[in-house]
Protein backbone atom coordinates (compact mmCIF):
# COMPACT_ATOMS: atom_id res chain seq x y z
CA UNK A 1 22.83 67.09 188.16
CA UNK A 2 20.49 65.96 185.46
CA UNK A 3 17.21 67.26 184.10
CA UNK A 4 14.48 64.90 182.95
CA UNK A 5 12.71 67.44 180.76
CA UNK A 6 9.27 66.08 179.92
CA UNK A 7 6.87 67.69 177.48
CA UNK A 8 3.69 66.18 176.08
CA UNK A 9 4.60 62.78 177.50
CA UNK A 10 8.05 62.77 175.86
CA UNK A 11 11.51 62.90 177.44
CA UNK A 12 14.34 65.03 176.05
CA UNK A 13 17.54 63.04 175.40
CA UNK A 14 20.88 64.60 174.48
CA UNK A 15 23.70 62.90 172.55
CA UNK A 16 27.17 63.55 174.00
CA UNK A 17 29.78 65.22 171.83
CA UNK A 18 32.68 64.67 174.26
CA UNK A 19 34.80 63.38 175.90
CA UNK A 20 35.79 60.83 173.24
CA UNK A 21 34.97 57.76 175.37
CA UNK A 22 31.39 59.05 175.88
CA UNK A 23 30.80 60.71 172.50
CA UNK A 24 27.71 59.39 170.75
CA UNK A 25 26.11 58.12 173.96
CA UNK A 26 22.80 59.54 175.11
CA UNK A 27 22.15 61.25 178.43
CA UNK A 28 19.87 63.58 180.29
CA UNK A 29 21.08 67.18 180.04
CA UNK A 30 22.84 68.62 183.06
CA UNK A 31 26.24 68.93 184.66
CA UNK A 32 28.28 69.77 187.71
CA UNK A 33 27.27 71.86 190.70
CA UNK A 34 29.47 74.92 191.21
CA UNK A 35 30.71 75.78 194.72
CA UNK A 36 27.98 77.55 196.70
CA UNK A 37 25.28 76.56 194.18
CA UNK A 38 22.23 74.48 195.05
CA UNK A 39 21.46 71.36 193.04
CA UNK A 40 18.33 72.96 191.60
CA UNK A 41 20.17 76.15 190.61
CA UNK A 42 22.86 74.02 188.94
CA UNK A 43 20.39 72.08 186.81
CA UNK A 44 18.67 75.32 185.73
CA UNK A 45 22.04 76.90 184.82
CA UNK A 46 23.31 73.81 183.00
CA UNK A 47 20.15 73.54 180.89
CA UNK A 48 20.46 77.19 179.95
CA UNK A 49 24.11 76.72 178.96
CA UNK A 50 23.59 73.43 177.10
CA UNK A 51 20.14 73.91 175.58
CA UNK A 52 19.40 77.67 175.63
CA UNK A 53 16.20 77.09 177.62
CA UNK A 54 14.91 78.12 181.01
CA UNK A 55 13.54 75.20 183.01
CA UNK A 56 11.68 74.77 186.28
CA UNK A 57 12.72 71.73 188.35
CA UNK A 58 9.62 69.91 189.59
CA UNK A 59 10.52 66.85 191.66
CA UNK A 60 13.55 64.76 192.49
CA UNK A 61 13.74 61.38 190.76
CA UNK A 62 14.97 58.51 192.94
CA UNK A 63 18.05 58.96 195.07
CA UNK A 64 21.72 59.37 194.32
CA UNK A 65 23.16 57.32 191.47
CA UNK A 66 26.92 56.75 191.80
CA UNK A 67 28.73 57.43 188.51
CA UNK A 68 32.25 57.03 189.90
CA UNK A 69 34.15 57.28 193.18
CA UNK A 70 33.89 61.05 193.00
CA UNK A 71 30.64 61.65 191.11
CA UNK A 72 26.94 61.26 191.93
CA UNK A 73 24.00 61.81 189.62
CA UNK A 74 20.91 63.52 191.01
CA UNK A 75 17.98 64.09 188.67
CA UNK A 76 14.90 66.31 188.70
CA UNK A 77 11.93 66.18 186.41
CA UNK A 78 11.58 69.59 184.81
CA UNK A 79 9.44 71.63 182.48
CA UNK A 80 10.55 74.20 179.96
CA UNK A 81 9.28 77.64 180.86
CA UNK A 82 11.10 79.59 178.15
CA UNK A 83 12.72 78.74 174.82
CA UNK A 84 13.03 75.74 172.54
CA UNK A 85 15.91 73.30 173.18
CA UNK A 86 18.94 73.61 170.91
CA UNK A 87 21.98 71.33 170.89
CA UNK A 88 24.63 73.88 171.88
CA UNK A 89 27.00 71.34 173.47
CA UNK A 90 25.58 68.04 172.18
CA UNK A 91 25.62 66.26 168.82
CA UNK A 92 21.83 65.93 168.74
CA UNK A 93 18.65 66.18 170.78
CA UNK A 94 15.70 63.85 170.56
CA UNK A 95 12.24 63.74 172.18
CA UNK A 96 11.49 60.13 173.17
CA UNK A 97 8.13 58.57 173.95
CA UNK A 98 7.74 55.65 176.32
CA UNK A 99 7.66 53.33 173.28
CA UNK A 100 11.01 54.50 171.88
CA UNK A 101 12.73 55.28 175.17
CA UNK A 102 15.33 52.55 174.63
CA UNK A 103 15.94 53.21 170.94
CA UNK A 104 19.01 55.28 171.86
CA UNK A 105 22.26 54.09 173.48
CA UNK A 106 21.91 55.58 176.97
CA UNK A 107 25.14 56.08 178.88
CA UNK A 108 25.43 53.51 181.70
CA UNK A 109 24.99 56.11 184.44
CA UNK A 110 21.67 57.31 182.99
CA UNK A 111 20.07 53.89 182.40
CA UNK A 112 18.67 53.36 185.93
CA UNK A 113 17.19 56.86 185.90
CA UNK A 114 15.44 56.20 182.59
CA UNK A 115 13.76 53.13 184.09
CA UNK A 116 12.52 55.28 186.99
CA UNK A 117 11.09 57.82 184.53
CA UNK A 118 9.01 55.40 182.46
CA UNK A 119 5.82 55.96 184.52
CA UNK A 120 6.10 59.73 183.87
CA UNK A 121 5.77 59.21 180.12
CA UNK A 122 2.45 58.45 178.50
């Protein structure tokens, strides 16, 4: 699950710390769904664990993006309802405007989602 956290027309990007083959790449925050957990609950939990914020998922972005044989990416736009994002599990965080959206090296699995999100940024 991924969260496209948008605030004031900017998208929050997170730089991976690990695993080594992904370190330094940029992604949307999020993670795996635990057994018995809904997708929306998973994205809320993951953002709390990774960023120390409480978010509210708003709408699903696109469909399912296949990351591998066993992994799908599903993304929701979200707003922060409590806290200020901190990089607890990432190397860095960055708020990106539409103009600088491609100034970071997005991980391949996130690139199609970023294109879908462009209209949401002003």
